[in-house]
Structure formats: C-alpha cells, structure tokens
C-alpha cells in the first residue's frame, strides 16, 4: 500500500465521523457509530485522495512555473551536451573538461 499519497489517519477519521447517522450513547458519552450514510461515506473516502493528488499536481505546476520564470529572468539555459554525471568516486569536472570528454567519447 502506498502510504505516501494518502492523507493522515486523523483526516480520514474526521471524514468517516461526518458520515455517521446514528451514534451509540452510554452514560451520556458518544460511542461507536451504529449507522453510516453509505453514499456520503463512499464519496468522501474517494474524494480525499483525489483532492490530495490535485493539490500536489497544482503545487508541482506552480513550482515549475516559478523555476522557469527564474531561469528566464537570470538567463539560465540548460544545454544537455554539457551535462555529465561523474561516476561515484570521481571528482566533478569543470565545463571545459566536460566538453573535452564529450568530444572524445562520441561515436
């Protein structure tokens, strides 16, 4: 089960509690729910992850927008030919060294 994408148990518990129609009472204290509104229960339990995912997608789009805006403002461009990932244990190289390596390793 993918726990990362789900809201916390407190949010689910609150959503479930709002669908209770008949609640057991003993000694003037609320007990367990005896009858749930099945339609509301179904809708709330399916809507919670959908709303969470939509908020996450919206935040990703917002982050992308601001990062592209920042890159355009400062003139940052990404050239894929100069991006080289060094193998583990090797020091990072400067961009001129990267270009030399790329020019010799191309087939």
C-alpha atoms as a PDB file:
ATOM      1  CA  UNK A   1       0.000   0.000   0.000  1.00  0.00           C
ATOM      2  CA  UNK A   2       1.354   3.413  -0.982  1.00  0.00           C
ATOM      3  CA  UNK A   3       1.180   5.367   2.271  1.00  0.00           C
ATOM      4  CA  UNK A   4       2.882   8.469   0.853  1.00  0.00           C
ATOM      5  CA  UNK A   5      -0.110   9.510  -1.265  1.00  0.00           C
ATOM      6  CA  UNK A   6      -2.746   9.235   1.449  1.00  0.00           C
ATOM      7  CA  UNK A   7      -3.787  11.880   3.979  1.00  0.00           C
ATOM      8  CA  UNK A   8      -3.172  11.235   7.630  1.00  0.00           C
ATOM      9  CA  UNK A   9      -5.438   8.908   9.620  1.00  0.00           C
ATOM     10  CA  UNK A  10      -6.831  11.902  11.504  1.00  0.00           C
ATOM     11  CA  UNK A  11      -8.201  13.377   8.270  1.00  0.00           C
ATOM     12  CA  UNK A  12      -9.741  10.054   7.269  1.00  0.00           C
ATOM     13  CA  UNK A  13     -11.195   9.616  10.759  1.00  0.00           C
ATOM     14  CA  UNK A  14     -12.803  13.053  10.615  1.00  0.00           C
ATOM     15  CA  UNK A  15     -14.261  12.297   7.181  1.00  0.00           C
ATOM     16  CA  UNK A  16     -15.676   8.997   8.406  1.00  0.00           C
ATOM     17  CA  UNK A  17     -17.112  10.584  11.555  1.00  0.00           C
ATOM     18  CA  UNK A  18     -19.039  13.146   9.496  1.00  0.00           C
ATOM     19  CA  UNK A  19     -20.955  10.339   7.740  1.00  0.00           C
ATOM     20  CA  UNK A  20     -22.355   8.855  10.952  1.00  0.00           C
ATOM     21  CA  UNK A  21     -26.163   8.912  11.132  1.00  0.00           C
ATOM     22  CA  UNK A  22     -26.785   7.043  14.416  1.00  0.00           C
ATOM     23  CA  UNK A  23     -24.254   7.042  17.205  1.00  0.00           C
ATOM     24  CA  UNK A  24     -24.332   4.838  20.287  1.00  0.00           C
ATOM     25  CA  UNK A  25     -24.578   6.673  23.588  1.00  0.00           C
ATOM     26  CA  UNK A  26     -23.812   5.284  27.023  1.00  0.00           C
ATOM     27  CA  UNK A  27     -23.558   7.330  30.188  1.00  0.00           C
ATOM     28  CA  UNK A  28     -24.086  10.472  28.126  1.00  0.00           C
ATOM     29  CA  UNK A  29     -20.881   9.830  26.196  1.00  0.00           C
ATOM     30  CA  UNK A  30     -20.597   9.255  22.483  1.00  0.00           C
ATOM     31  CA  UNK A  31     -19.670   5.739  21.482  1.00  0.00           C
ATOM     32  CA  UNK A  32     -19.277   3.850  18.254  1.00  0.00           C
ATOM     33  CA  UNK A  33     -21.270   4.739  15.158  1.00  0.00           C
ATOM     34  CA  UNK A  34     -24.157   2.344  14.559  1.00  0.00           C
ATOM     35  CA  UNK A  35     -25.250   3.514  11.103  1.00  0.00           C
ATOM     36  CA  UNK A  36     -23.314   5.324   8.359  1.00  0.00           C
ATOM     37  CA  UNK A  37     -24.595   7.204   5.323  1.00  0.00           C
ATOM     38  CA  UNK A  38     -23.101   4.878   2.705  1.00  0.00           C
ATOM     39  CA  UNK A  39     -23.286   7.370  -0.175  1.00  0.00           C
ATOM     40  CA  UNK A  40     -21.558  10.145   1.772  1.00  0.00           C
ATOM     41  CA  UNK A  41     -19.035   7.638   3.135  1.00  0.00           C
ATOM     42  CA  UNK A  42     -18.155   6.431  -0.379  1.00  0.00           C
ATOM     43  CA  UNK A  43     -17.886   9.928  -1.814  1.00  0.00           C
ATOM     44  CA  UNK A  44     -15.698  11.263   0.990  1.00  0.00           C
ATOM     45  CA  UNK A  45     -13.313   8.315   1.012  1.00  0.00           C
ATOM     46  CA  UNK A  46     -12.842   8.535  -2.760  1.00  0.00           C
ATOM     47  CA  UNK A  47     -12.651  12.336  -2.852  1.00  0.00           C
ATOM     48  CA  UNK A  48      -9.900  12.672  -0.229  1.00  0.00           C
ATOM     49  CA  UNK A  49      -7.081  11.104  -2.296  1.00  0.00           C
ATOM     50  CA  UNK A  50      -8.309  12.772  -5.484  1.00  0.00           C
ATOM     51  CA  UNK A  51      -8.257  16.205  -3.872  1.00  0.00           C
ATOM     52  CA  UNK A  52      -4.824  15.496  -2.384  1.00  0.00           C
ATOM     53  CA  UNK A  53      -3.408  14.481  -5.756  1.00  0.00           C
ATOM     54  CA  UNK A  54      -4.913  17.534  -7.468  1.00  0.00           C
ATOM     55  CA  UNK A  55      -3.346  19.823  -4.868  1.00  0.00           C
ATOM     56  CA  UNK A  56       0.019  18.083  -5.370  1.00  0.00           C
ATOM     57  CA  UNK A  57      -0.172  18.466  -9.163  1.00  0.00           C
ATOM     58  CA  UNK A  58      -1.108  22.126  -8.776  1.00  0.00           C
ATOM     59  CA  UNK A  59       1.881  22.705  -6.471  1.00  0.00           C
ATOM     60  CA  UNK A  60       4.219  20.955  -8.927  1.00  0.00           C
ATOM     61  CA  UNK A  61       2.930  23.150 -11.752  1.00  0.00           C
ATOM     62  CA  UNK A  62       3.402  26.235  -9.583  1.00  0.00           C
ATOM     63  CA  UNK A  63       6.993  25.213  -8.781  1.00  0.00           C
ATOM     64  CA  UNK A  64       7.694  24.574 -12.461  1.00  0.00           C
ATOM     65  CA  UNK A  65       6.262  27.958 -13.424  1.00  0.00           C
ATOM     66  CA  UNK A  66       8.403  29.833 -10.900  1.00  0.00           C
ATOM     67  CA  UNK A  67      11.565  27.896 -11.738  1.00  0.00           C
ATOM     68  CA  UNK A  68      11.162  28.572 -15.475  1.00  0.00           C
ATOM     69  CA  UNK A  69      10.404  32.210 -14.715  1.00  0.00           C
ATOM     70  CA  UNK A  70      13.545  32.454 -12.566  1.00  0.00           C
ATOM     71  CA  UNK A  71      15.683  30.791 -15.235  1.00  0.00           C
ATOM     72  CA  UNK A  72      14.406  33.160 -17.907  1.00  0.00           C
ATOM     73  CA  UNK A  73      14.969  36.157 -15.657  1.00  0.00           C
ATOM     74  CA  UNK A  74      18.612  35.288 -14.998  1.00  0.00           C
ATOM     75  CA  UNK A  75      19.322  33.884 -18.458  1.00  0.00           C
ATOM     76  CA  UNK A  76      19.971  30.318 -17.336  1.00  0.00           C
ATOM     77  CA  UNK A  77      19.799  27.777 -20.135  1.00  0.00           C
ATOM     78  CA  UNK A  78      20.303  24.041 -19.901  1.00  0.00           C
ATOM     79  CA  UNK A  79      22.433  22.543 -22.635  1.00  0.00           C
ATOM     80  CA  UNK A  80      22.228  18.764 -22.493  1.00  0.00           C
ATOM     81  CA  UNK A  81      25.608  18.320 -24.185  1.00  0.00           C
ATOM     82  CA  UNK A  82      27.452  19.882 -21.233  1.00  0.00           C
ATOM     83  CA  UNK A  83      25.702  17.893 -18.532  1.00  0.00           C
ATOM     84  CA  UNK A  84      27.881  14.994 -17.437  1.00  0.00           C
ATOM     85  CA  UNK A  85      27.315  12.969 -14.328  1.00  0.00           C
ATOM     86  CA  UNK A  86      30.587  11.884 -12.784  1.00  0.00           C
ATOM     87  CA  UNK A  87      30.805   8.233 -11.717  1.00  0.00           C
ATOM     88  CA  UNK A  88      30.946   7.637  -7.966  1.00  0.00           C
ATOM     89  CA  UNK A  89      34.351   8.377  -6.538  1.00  0.00           C
ATOM     90  CA  UNK A  90      35.478  10.730  -9.302  1.00  0.00           C
ATOM     91  CA  UNK A  91      35.719  14.490  -8.678  1.00  0.00           C
ATOM     92  CA  UNK A  92      33.420  16.897 -10.500  1.00  0.00           C
ATOM     93  CA  UNK A  93      34.878  18.410 -13.648  1.00  0.00           C
ATOM     94  CA  UNK A  94      34.648  21.916 -14.983  1.00  0.00           C
ATOM     95  CA  UNK A  95      32.552  22.621 -18.070  1.00  0.00           C
ATOM     96  CA  UNK A  96      35.623  22.818 -20.371  1.00  0.00           C
ATOM     97  CA  UNK A  97      36.788  19.402 -19.166  1.00  0.00           C
ATOM     98  CA  UNK A  98      33.256  18.109 -19.736  1.00  0.00           C
ATOM     99  CA  UNK A  99      33.282  19.359 -23.334  1.00  0.00           C
ATOM    100  CA  UNK A 100      36.675  17.695 -23.950  1.00  0.00           C
ATOM    101  CA  UNK A 101      35.412  14.397 -22.581  1.00  0.00           C
ATOM    102  CA  UNK A 102      32.224  14.592 -24.609  1.00  0.00           C
ATOM    103  CA  UNK A 103      34.058  15.363 -27.834  1.00  0.00           C
ATOM    104  CA  UNK A 104      36.363  12.352 -27.410  1.00  0.00           C
ATOM    105  CA  UNK A 105      33.710   9.877 -26.309  1.00  0.00           C
ATOM    106  CA  UNK A 106      31.155  10.487 -29.038  1.00  0.00           C
ATOM    107  CA  UNK A 107      30.861   7.787 -31.661  1.00  0.00           C
END
